[in-house]
Amino acid sequence: MIITVAPTGSGPMWKETPYLPITPEEIAEEAVKAYEAGAAVAHIHVRNPKTKAPYPDVKLYSEVIERIREKCDMIIQLTTGGGGPYGIPLEQRMCALELNPEFASLNVATMTFGNSIFLNPPEAVEKIAKTMLERNIKPEIECYDVGHINLALQLFEKGLLKEPLRFGLVLGVRGGIPATPENLMHMVKALPKNCRWNVIVVGGRVQFQLLTLGMILGGDVRVGMEDNFYLAKGVVAKSNAQLVTKVVKIAKELDKEVATPSEARKLLGLPQKS
């Protein structure tokens, strides 16, 4: 089972917790500590160090990557959605692909996202998918509702995605599918055969319950302050590593083996690092 950590995200969580990493140094440090706790993948957003707002920028991404690589071999997954619901243009969001990461997120649908609109027009999605294919960047297809799975399969039919497919099933975003056990099972049933899928739950009320269900159903899981910064009701996590530690404990109770970065690369069809 692969554990992903999402240390910071794009939202205004820094207004609610003092522990959210903001600078490249802080983000990388949190990722490395999460690796030491059991995470094999780091899903990376970057922020303007002064304003704390989402700010996709090649130099910021490069610094985070370099700092992580100095300490460990975890898989680095850059976002192409960073700041999208907060008005960041798609061309700026795509800047992460200039660095040719081994792994990146791919959002396939325009949708209401909280109080905003997350714009992902079909022609732009195809452009991003084609760029990833040409550069041999593995996409994680982020699906915020069941219909998004079908949009991804249409890209596959056009030859813009290749197997093994990797899906991120995102539940709990206001505007997407609600975070319930029934909805998670419904999304899992809609997936194609022979793919890997990752459970992503936004909000702390039911996150760990649904991540546990995801593990039981055979999925991978994601934790991190991008999605939720509560360890338990009323208990704020002081680090992303604490969230990883909790999900590792649950996995062990379920007799699930937690993948190392090397094992995760094999499971995802990524080249091994020398």
C-alpha atoms as a PDB file:
ATOM      1  CA  MET A   1       0.000   0.000   0.000  1.00  0.00           C
ATOM      2  CA  ILE A   2       1.362   3.398  -1.017  1.00  0.00           C
ATOM      3  CA  ILE A   3       1.071   6.359   1.345  1.00  0.00           C
ATOM      4  CA  THR A   4       1.187   9.861  -0.139  1.00  0.00           C
ATOM      5  CA  VAL A   5       1.692  13.011   1.914  1.00  0.00           C
ATOM      6  CA  ALA A   6       0.352  16.382   0.743  1.00  0.00           C
ATOM      7  CA  PRO A   7       2.150  18.851   3.030  1.00  0.00           C
ATOM      8  CA  THR A   8       0.637  22.231   2.151  1.00  0.00           C
ATOM      9  CA  GLY A   9      -1.900  22.541  -0.706  1.00  0.00           C
ATOM     10  CA  SER A  10      -3.196  25.852  -2.039  1.00  0.00           C
ATOM     11  CA  GLY A  11      -5.936  26.814   0.387  1.00  0.00           C
ATOM     12  CA  PRO A  12      -5.960  29.344   3.250  1.00  0.00           C
ATOM     13  CA  MET A  13      -5.266  26.709   5.923  1.00  0.00           C
ATOM     14  CA  TRP A  14      -2.446  28.861   7.328  1.00  0.00           C
ATOM     15  CA  LYS A  15      -5.179  31.072   8.804  1.00  0.00           C
ATOM     16  CA  GLU A  16      -6.368  28.115  10.884  1.00  0.00           C
ATOM     17  CA  THR A  17      -3.127  26.369  11.878  1.00  0.00           C
ATOM     18  CA  PRO A  18       0.357  27.738  12.597  1.00  0.00           C
ATOM     19  CA  TYR A  19       1.950  24.444  11.550  1.00  0.00           C
ATOM     20  CA  LEU A  20       1.303  24.625   7.794  1.00  0.00           C
ATOM     21  CA  PRO A  21       4.622  24.709   5.871  1.00  0.00           C
ATOM     22  CA  ILE A  22       4.956  27.739   3.585  1.00  0.00           C
ATOM     23  CA  THR A  23       8.523  28.203   2.345  1.00  0.00           C
ATOM     24  CA  PRO A  24      10.315  25.675   0.100  1.00  0.00           C
ATOM     25  CA  GLU A  25      12.578  24.770   3.021  1.00  0.00           C
ATOM     26  CA  GLU A  26       9.598  24.124   5.314  1.00  0.00           C
ATOM     27  CA  ILE A  27       7.706  22.133   2.670  1.00  0.00           C
ATOM     28  CA  ALA A  28      10.722  19.950   1.913  1.00  0.00           C
ATOM     29  CA  GLU A  29      11.458  19.421   5.603  1.00  0.00           C
ATOM     30  CA  GLU A  30       7.863  18.310   6.205  1.00  0.00           C
ATOM     31  CA  ALA A  31       8.025  15.943   3.226  1.00  0.00           C
ATOM     32  CA  VAL A  32      11.247  14.329   4.450  1.00  0.00           C
ATOM     33  CA  LYS A  33       9.869  13.854   7.972  1.00  0.00           C
ATOM     34  CA  ALA A  34       6.746  12.299   6.456  1.00  0.00           C
ATOM     35  CA  TYR A  35       8.993   9.955   4.444  1.00  0.00           C
ATOM     36  CA  GLU A  36      10.721   8.912   7.641  1.00  0.00           C
ATOM     37  CA  ALA A  37       7.269   8.180   9.106  1.00  0.00           C
ATOM     38  CA  GLY A  38       6.274   5.981   6.168  1.00  0.00           C
ATOM     39  CA  ALA A  39       5.185   8.108   3.178  1.00  0.00           C
ATOM     40  CA  ALA A  40       6.569   7.014  -0.205  1.00  0.00           C
ATOM     41  CA  VAL A  41       5.149   9.905  -2.252  1.00  0.00           C
ATOM     42  CA  ALA A  42       5.094  13.679  -1.661  1.00  0.00           C
ATOM     43  CA  HIS A  43       2.375  15.654  -3.480  1.00  0.00           C
ATOM     44  CA  ILE A  44       3.894  19.113  -3.818  1.00  0.00           C
ATOM     45  CA  HIS A  45       2.310  22.563  -4.053  1.00  0.00           C
ATOM     46  CA  VAL A  46       4.337  25.734  -3.537  1.00  0.00           C
ATOM     47  CA  ARG A  47       3.410  29.091  -2.044  1.00  0.00           C
ATOM     48  CA  ASN A  48       4.607  32.663  -2.132  1.00  0.00           C
ATOM     49  CA  PRO A  49       6.826  32.774   0.981  1.00  0.00           C
ATOM     50  CA  LYS A  50       5.729  36.343   1.755  1.00  0.00           C
ATOM     51  CA  THR A  51       1.966  36.302   1.082  1.00  0.00           C
ATOM     52  CA  LYS A  52       1.493  32.545   1.756  1.00  0.00           C
ATOM     53  CA  ALA A  53      -0.798  32.403  -1.281  1.00  0.00           C
ATOM     54  CA  PRO A  54      -0.491  29.638  -3.916  1.00  0.00           C
ATOM     55  CA  TYR A  55       2.198  30.547  -6.415  1.00  0.00           C
ATOM     56  CA  PRO A  56       3.219  27.896  -8.970  1.00  0.00           C
ATOM     57  CA  ASP A  57       6.775  28.838  -9.883  1.00  0.00           C
ATOM     58  CA  VAL A  58       9.603  26.785 -11.373  1.00  0.00           C
ATOM     59  CA  LYS A  59      12.219  28.168  -8.978  1.00  0.00           C
ATOM     60  CA  LEU A  60      10.124  27.335  -5.924  1.00  0.00           C
ATOM     61  CA  TYR A  61       9.403  23.816  -7.185  1.00  0.00           C
ATOM     62  CA  SER A  62      13.084  23.317  -8.002  1.00  0.00           C
ATOM     63  CA  GLU A  63      14.153  24.305  -4.510  1.00  0.00           C
ATOM     64  CA  VAL A  64      11.671  21.919  -2.896  1.00  0.00           C
ATOM     65  CA  ILE A  65      12.793  19.059  -5.162  1.00  0.00           C
ATOM     66  CA  GLU A  66      16.481  19.715  -4.515  1.00  0.00           C
ATOM     67  CA  ARG A  67      16.006  19.834  -0.754  1.00  0.00           C
ATOM     68  CA  ILE A  68      14.012  16.583  -0.708  1.00  0.00           C
ATOM     69  CA  ARG A  69      16.500  14.833  -2.992  1.00  0.00           C
ATOM     70  CA  GLU A  70      19.346  15.767  -0.638  1.00  0.00           C
ATOM     71  CA  LYS A  71      17.704  13.689   2.098  1.00  0.00           C
ATOM     72  CA  CYS A  72      15.731  10.816   0.537  1.00  0.00           C
ATOM     73  CA  ASP A  73      14.501   9.033  -2.590  1.00  0.00           C
ATOM     74  CA  MET A  74      10.759   9.479  -2.066  1.00  0.00           C
ATOM     75  CA  ILE A  75       8.620   9.942  -5.194  1.00  0.00           C
ATOM     76  CA  ILE A  76       7.908  13.632  -5.848  1.00  0.00           C
ATOM     77  CA  GLN A  77       4.538  14.344  -7.432  1.00  0.00           C
ATOM     78  CA  LEU A  78       4.143  17.943  -8.599  1.00  0.00           C
ATOM     79  CA  THR A  79       0.691  19.450  -8.994  1.00  0.00           C
ATOM     80  CA  THR A  80      -0.734  20.932 -12.191  1.00  0.00           C
ATOM     81  CA  GLY A  81      -3.808  22.099 -10.278  1.00  0.00           C
ATOM     82  CA  GLY A  82      -2.028  24.325  -7.764  1.00  0.00           C
ATOM     83  CA  GLY A  83      -4.078  27.446  -7.103  1.00  0.00           C
ATOM     84  CA  GLY A  84      -6.581  26.652  -9.862  1.00  0.00           C
ATOM     85  CA  PRO A  85      -9.642  27.175  -7.645  1.00  0.00           C
ATOM     86  CA  TYR A  86      -8.050  30.414  -6.412  1.00  0.00           C
ATOM     87  CA  GLY A  87      -7.628  32.086  -9.792  1.00  0.00           C
ATOM     88  CA  ILE A  88      -4.181  30.875 -10.893  1.00  0.00           C
ATOM     89  CA  PRO A  89      -4.181  30.603 -14.731  1.00  0.00           C
ATOM     90  CA  LEU A  90      -3.770  27.158 -16.238  1.00  0.00           C
ATOM     91  CA  GLU A  91      -0.583  28.100 -18.104  1.00  0.00           C
ATOM     92  CA  GLN A  92       1.043  29.053 -14.803  1.00  0.00           C
ATOM     93  CA  ARG A  93      -0.193  25.842 -13.182  1.00  0.00           C
ATOM     94  CA  MET A  94       1.519  23.863 -15.955  1.00  0.00           C
ATOM     95  CA  CYS A  95       4.942  25.309 -15.127  1.00  0.00           C
ATOM     96  CA  ALA A  96       5.660  22.277 -12.942  1.00  0.00           C
ATOM     97  CA  LEU A  97       5.910  20.124 -16.069  1.00  0.00           C
ATOM     98  CA  GLU A  98       8.936  22.146 -17.250  1.00  0.00           C
ATOM     99  CA  LEU A  99      10.931  20.278 -14.603  1.00  0.00           C
ATOM    100  CA  ASN A 100       9.973  16.869 -16.046  1.00  0.00           C
ATOM    101  CA  PRO A 101       8.919  15.355 -12.706  1.00  0.00           C
ATOM    102  CA  GLU A 102       8.474  11.596 -12.578  1.00  0.00           C
ATOM    103  CA  PHE A 103       4.897  12.020 -11.300  1.00  0.00           C
ATOM    104  CA  ALA A 104       2.289  14.812 -11.522  1.00  0.00           C
ATOM    105  CA  SER A 105      -1.404  15.355 -10.867  1.00  0.00           C
ATOM    106  CA  LEU A 106      -3.895  15.694 -13.730  1.00  0.00           C
ATOM    107  CA  ASN A 107      -7.283  17.318 -13.121  1.00  0.00           C
ATOM    108  CA  VAL A 108      -9.777  16.342 -15.813  1.00  0.00           C
ATOM    109  CA  ALA A 109     -12.929  18.371 -15.073  1.00  0.00           C
ATOM    110  CA  THR A 110     -14.150  21.912 -14.535  1.00  0.00           C
ATOM    111  CA  MET A 111     -16.186  22.086 -11.329  1.00  0.00           C
ATOM    112  CA  THR A 112     -17.447  24.193  -8.464  1.00  0.00           C
ATOM    113  CA  PHE A 113     -14.744  24.073  -5.795  1.00  0.00           C
ATOM    114  CA  GLY A 114     -15.900  25.558  -2.499  1.00  0.00           C
ATOM    115  CA  ASN A 115     -16.850  29.142  -3.317  1.00  0.00           C
ATOM    116  CA  SER A 116     -14.816  29.164  -6.539  1.00  0.00           C
ATOM    117  CA  ILE A 117     -14.651  27.585  -9.984  1.00  0.00           C
ATOM    118  CA  PHE A 118     -11.866  25.139 -10.824  1.00  0.00           C
ATOM    119  CA  LEU A 119     -11.360  25.586 -14.568  1.00  0.00           C
ATOM    120  CA  ASN A 120     -10.077  22.606 -16.539  1.00  0.00           C
ATOM    121  CA  PRO A 121     -11.453  22.947 -20.110  1.00  0.00           C
ATOM    122  CA  PRO A 122     -11.322  19.760 -22.216  1.00  0.00           C
ATOM    123  CA  GLU A 123      -8.808  21.124 -24.721  1.00  0.00           C
ATOM    124  CA  ALA A 124      -6.514  22.258 -21.903  1.00  0.00           C
ATOM    125  CA  VAL A 125      -6.764  18.894 -20.135  1.00  0.00           C
ATOM    126  CA  GLU A 126      -5.790  17.153 -23.379  1.00  0.00           C
ATOM    127  CA  LYS A 127      -2.831  19.512 -23.755  1.00  0.00           C
ATOM    128  CA  ILE A 128      -1.576  18.706 -20.256  1.00  0.00           C
ATOM    129  CA  ALA A 129      -2.109  14.961 -20.767  1.00  0.00           C
ATOM    130  CA  LYS A 130      -0.248  15.089 -24.089  1.00  0.00           C
ATOM    131  CA  THR A 131       2.639  17.004 -22.518  1.00  0.00           C
ATOM    132  CA  MET A 132       2.903  14.423 -19.738  1.00  0.00           C
ATOM    133  CA  LEU A 133       2.832  11.578 -22.267  1.00  0.00           C
ATOM    134  CA  GLU A 134       5.556  13.147 -24.410  1.00  0.00           C
ATOM    135  CA  ARG A 135       7.773  13.804 -21.379  1.00  0.00           C
ATOM    136  CA  ASN A 136       7.146  10.404 -19.788  1.00  0.00           C
ATOM    137  CA  ILE A 137       5.574  11.997 -16.695  1.00  0.00           C
ATOM    138  CA  LYS A 138       3.232   9.651 -14.834  1.00  0.00           C
ATOM    139  CA  PRO A 139      -0.191  11.283 -14.256  1.00  0.00           C
ATOM    140  CA  GLU A 140      -2.358  10.736 -11.212  1.00  0.00           C
ATOM    141  CA  ILE A 141      -5.861  11.450 -12.499  1.00  0.00           C
ATOM    142  CA  GLU A 142      -7.717  13.423  -9.834  1.00  0.00           C
ATOM    143  CA  CYS A 143     -11.428  12.521  -9.848  1.00  0.00           C
ATOM    144  CA  TYR A 144     -13.761  14.568  -7.665  1.00  0.00           C
ATOM    145  CA  ASP A 145     -16.877  12.702  -8.812  1.00  0.00           C
ATOM    146  CA  VAL A 146     -17.807   9.512 -10.639  1.00  0.00           C
ATOM    147  CA  GLY A 147     -18.204  11.219 -14.006  1.00  0.00           C
ATOM    148  CA  HIS A 148     -14.578  12.329 -13.887  1.00  0.00           C
ATOM    149  CA  ILE A 149     -13.514   8.683 -14.128  1.00  0.00           C
ATOM    150  CA  ASN A 150     -15.323   8.478 -17.463  1.00  0.00           C
ATOM    151  CA  LEU A 151     -13.560  11.639 -18.677  1.00  0.00           C
ATOM    152  CA  ALA A 152     -10.231   9.990 -17.865  1.00  0.00           C
ATOM    153  CA  LEU A 153     -11.196   6.851 -19.753  1.00  0.00           C
ATOM    154  CA  GLN A 154     -12.002   8.996 -22.795  1.00  0.00           C
ATOM    155  CA  LEU A 155      -8.444  10.376 -22.631  1.00  0.00           C
ATOM    156  CA  PHE A 156      -7.176   6.806 -22.470  1.00  0.00           C
ATOM    157  CA  GLU A 157      -9.218   5.868 -25.541  1.00  0.00           C
ATOM    158  CA  LYS A 158      -7.631   8.807 -27.390  1.00  0.00           C
ATOM    159  CA  GLY A 159      -4.184   7.477 -26.527  1.00  0.00           C
ATOM    160  CA  LEU A 160      -3.356  10.354 -24.154  1.00  0.00           C
ATOM    161  CA  LEU A 161      -3.008   8.104 -21.103  1.00  0.00           C
ATOM    162  CA  LYS A 162      -1.244   4.784 -20.861  1.00  0.00           C
ATOM    163  CA  GLU A 163      -1.491   1.880 -18.480  1.00  0.00           C
ATOM    164  CA  PRO A 164      -1.089   1.273 -15.640  1.00  0.00           C
ATOM    165  CA  LEU A 165      -3.577   4.057 -14.893  1.00  0.00           C
ATOM    166  CA  ARG A 166      -3.417   5.801 -11.533  1.00  0.00           C
ATOM    167  CA  PHE A 167      -6.531   7.477 -10.097  1.00  0.00           C
ATOM    168  CA  GLY A 168      -6.930   9.809  -7.142  1.00  0.00           C
ATOM    169  CA  LEU A 169     -10.466   9.510  -5.730  1.00  0.00           C
ATOM    170  CA  VAL A 170     -11.127  12.850  -4.048  1.00  0.00           C
ATOM    171  CA  LEU A 171     -14.087  13.023  -1.671  1.00  0.00           C
ATOM    172  CA  GLY A 172     -15.321  15.882   0.492  1.00  0.00           C
ATOM    173  CA  VAL A 173     -14.639  18.955  -1.659  1.00  0.00           C
ATOM    174  CA  ARG A 174     -17.686  21.231  -1.636  1.00  0.00           C
ATOM    175  CA  GLY A 175     -18.825  20.886  -5.235  1.00  0.00           C
ATOM    176  CA  GLY A 176     -17.539  17.339  -5.610  1.00  0.00           C
ATOM    177  CA  ILE A 177     -18.795  14.004  -4.331  1.00  0.00           C
ATOM    178  CA  PRO A 178     -19.526  13.996  -0.569  1.00  0.00           C
ATOM    179  CA  ALA A 179     -17.270  11.976   1.713  1.00  0.00           C
ATOM    180  CA  THR A 180     -19.361   8.917   2.608  1.00  0.00           C
ATOM    181  CA  PRO A 181     -18.568   5.179   2.620  1.00  0.00           C
ATOM    182  CA  GLU A 182     -21.255   4.569   0.000  1.00  0.00           C
ATOM    183  CA  ASN A 183     -19.762   7.158  -2.359  1.00  0.00           C
ATOM    184  CA  LEU A 184     -16.253   5.769  -1.988  1.00  0.00           C
ATOM    185  CA  MET A 185     -17.456   2.258  -2.805  1.00  0.00           C
ATOM    186  CA  HIS A 186     -19.433   3.623  -5.767  1.00  0.00           C
ATOM    187  CA  MET A 187     -16.326   5.326  -7.167  1.00  0.00           C
ATOM    188  CA  VAL A 188     -14.209   2.210  -6.682  1.00  0.00           C
ATOM    189  CA  LYS A 189     -16.775   0.123  -8.581  1.00  0.00           C
ATOM    190  CA  ALA A 190     -16.596   2.605 -11.490  1.00  0.00           C
ATOM    191  CA  LEU A 191     -12.822   2.196 -11.919  1.00  0.00           C
ATOM    192  CA  PRO A 192     -11.368   0.157 -14.781  1.00  0.00           C
ATOM    193  CA  LYS A 193      -9.586  -3.115 -14.077  1.00  0.00           C
ATOM    194  CA  ASN A 194      -5.846  -3.248 -13.452  1.00  0.00           C
ATOM    195  CA  CYS A 195      -5.469   0.330 -12.212  1.00  0.00           C
ATOM    196  CA  ARG A 196      -4.108   1.692  -8.931  1.00  0.00           C
ATOM    197  CA  TRP A 197      -6.181   4.157  -6.954  1.00  0.00           C
ATOM    198  CA  ASN A 198      -5.565   6.552  -4.117  1.00  0.00           C
ATOM    199  CA  VAL A 199      -8.143   7.666  -1.545  1.00  0.00           C
ATOM    200  CA  ILE A 200      -8.062  11.417  -0.834  1.00  0.00           C
ATOM    201  CA  VAL A 201     -10.530  12.785   1.738  1.00  0.00           C
ATOM    202  CA  VAL A 202     -10.832  16.511   2.366  1.00  0.00           C
ATOM    203  CA  GLY A 203     -11.841  17.463   5.909  1.00  0.00           C
ATOM    204  CA  GLY A 204     -11.119  15.826   9.228  1.00  0.00           C
ATOM    205  CA  ARG A 205     -14.534  14.613  10.350  1.00  0.00           C
ATOM    206  CA  VAL A 206     -14.510  11.328   8.418  1.00  0.00           C
ATOM    207  CA  GLN A 207     -11.072  11.277   6.808  1.00  0.00           C
ATOM    208  CA  PHE A 208      -9.451   8.460   8.736  1.00  0.00           C
ATOM    209  CA  GLN A 209     -12.621   6.351   8.647  1.00  0.00           C
ATOM    210  CA  LEU A 210     -12.734   6.550   4.841  1.00  0.00           C
ATOM    211  CA  LEU A 211      -8.981   6.029   4.485  1.00  0.00           C
ATOM    212  CA  THR A 212      -9.411   2.871   6.560  1.00  0.00           C
ATOM    213  CA  LEU A 213     -12.223   1.712   4.268  1.00  0.00           C
ATOM    214  CA  GLY A 214     -10.021   2.499   1.277  1.00  0.00           C
ATOM    215  CA  MET A 215      -7.254   0.292   2.675  1.00  0.00           C
ATOM    216  CA  ILE A 216      -9.724  -2.541   3.275  1.00  0.00           C
ATOM    217  CA  LEU A 217     -10.954  -2.230  -0.328  1.00  0.00           C
ATOM    218  CA  GLY A 218      -7.371  -2.449  -1.620  1.00  0.00           C
ATOM    219  CA  GLY A 219      -6.500   1.179  -2.280  1.00  0.00           C
ATOM    220  CA  ASP A 220      -3.629   3.503  -1.507  1.00  0.00           C
ATOM    221  CA  VAL A 221      -4.157   6.539   0.759  1.00  0.00           C
ATOM    222  CA  ARG A 222      -3.147  10.180   1.079  1.00  0.00           C
ATOM    223  CA  VAL A 223      -2.824  12.310   4.200  1.00  0.00           C
ATOM    224  CA  GLY A 224      -1.380  15.744   4.853  1.00  0.00           C
ATOM    225  CA  MET A 225      -2.313  19.275   5.804  1.00  0.00           C
ATOM    226  CA  GLU A 226      -3.570  19.991   2.290  1.00  0.00           C
ATOM    227  CA  ASP A 227      -6.524  17.706   3.062  1.00  0.00           C
ATOM    228  CA  ASN A 228      -6.888  17.828   6.842  1.00  0.00           C
ATOM    229  CA  PHE A 229      -4.802  19.064   9.756  1.00  0.00           C
ATOM    230  CA  TYR A 230      -6.658  17.316  12.599  1.00  0.00           C
ATOM    231  CA  LEU A 231      -5.303  14.140  14.197  1.00  0.00           C
ATOM    232  CA  ALA A 232      -8.594  13.622  16.012  1.00  0.00           C
ATOM    233  CA  LYS A 233     -11.592  15.730  16.974  1.00  0.00           C
ATOM    234  CA  GLY A 234     -10.213  18.992  18.369  1.00  0.00           C
ATOM    235  CA  VAL A 235      -6.583  17.810  18.143  1.00  0.00           C
ATOM    236  CA  VAL A 236      -4.497  19.763  15.610  1.00  0.00           C
ATOM    237  CA  ALA A 237      -1.520  17.964  14.074  1.00  0.00           C
ATOM    238  CA  LYS A 238       1.775  19.749  14.646  1.00  0.00           C
ATOM    239  CA  SER A 239       3.374  18.117  11.616  1.00  0.00           C
ATOM    240  CA  ASN A 240       2.495  16.154   8.504  1.00  0.00           C
ATOM    241  CA  ALA A 241       4.545  13.284   9.916  1.00  0.00           C
ATOM    242  CA  GLN A 242       2.031  12.892  12.745  1.00  0.00           C
ATOM    243  CA  LEU A 243      -0.734  12.334  10.177  1.00  0.00           C
ATOM    244  CA  VAL A 244       1.395   9.777   8.338  1.00  0.00           C
ATOM    245  CA  THR A 245       2.209   8.009  11.598  1.00  0.00           C
ATOM    246  CA  LYS A 246      -1.489   7.644  12.377  1.00  0.00           C
ATOM    247  CA  VAL A 247      -2.325   6.118   8.997  1.00  0.00           C
ATOM    248  CA  VAL A 248       0.701   3.777   9.220  1.00  0.00           C
ATOM    249  CA  LYS A 249      -0.616   2.561  12.571  1.00  0.00           C
ATOM    250  CA  ILE A 250      -4.021   1.860  11.015  1.00  0.00           C
ATOM    251  CA  ALA A 251      -2.369   0.013   8.124  1.00  0.00           C
ATOM    252  CA  LYS A 252      -0.418  -2.197  10.506  1.00  0.00           C
ATOM    253  CA  GLU A 253      -3.591  -3.032  12.418  1.00  0.00           C
ATOM    254  CA  LEU A 254      -5.084  -4.158   9.095  1.00  0.00           C
ATOM    255  CA  ASP A 255      -1.964  -6.189   8.231  1.00  0.00           C
ATOM    256  CA  LYS A 256      -1.250  -3.940   5.248  1.00  0.00           C
ATOM    257  CA  GLU A 257       2.362  -3.666   4.120  1.00  0.00           C
ATOM    258  CA  VAL A 258       3.450  -0.050   3.610  1.00  0.00           C
ATOM    259  CA  ALA A 259       5.453   0.466   0.401  1.00  0.00           C
ATOM    260  CA  THR A 260       8.906   1.999   0.319  1.00  0.00           C
ATOM    261  CA  PRO A 261       9.631   4.500  -2.477  1.00  0.00           C
ATOM    262  CA  SER A 262      11.362   1.741  -4.459  1.00  0.00           C
ATOM    263  CA  GLU A 263       8.376  -0.583  -4.056  1.00  0.00           C
ATOM    264  CA  ALA A 264       5.974   2.247  -4.895  1.00  0.00           C
ATOM    265  CA  ARG A 265       7.853   2.994  -8.123  1.00  0.00           C
ATOM    266  CA  LYS A 266       7.437  -0.621  -9.157  1.00  0.00           C
ATOM    267  CA  LEU A 267       3.723  -0.611  -8.305  1.00  0.00           C
ATOM    268  CA  LEU A 268       3.163   2.639 -10.228  1.00  0.00           C
ATOM    269  CA  GLY A 269       5.254   1.682 -13.229  1.00  0.00           C
ATOM    270  CA  LEU A 270       7.873   4.355 -12.613  1.00  0.00           C
ATOM    271  CA  PRO A 271      11.598   3.966 -13.389  1.00  0.00           C
ATOM    272  CA  GLN A 272      13.739   3.112 -10.381  1.00  0.00           C
ATOM    273  CA  LYS A 273      16.124   5.764  -9.108  1.00  0.00           C
ATOM    274  CA  SER A 274      19.802   4.843  -9.466  1.00  0.00           C
END
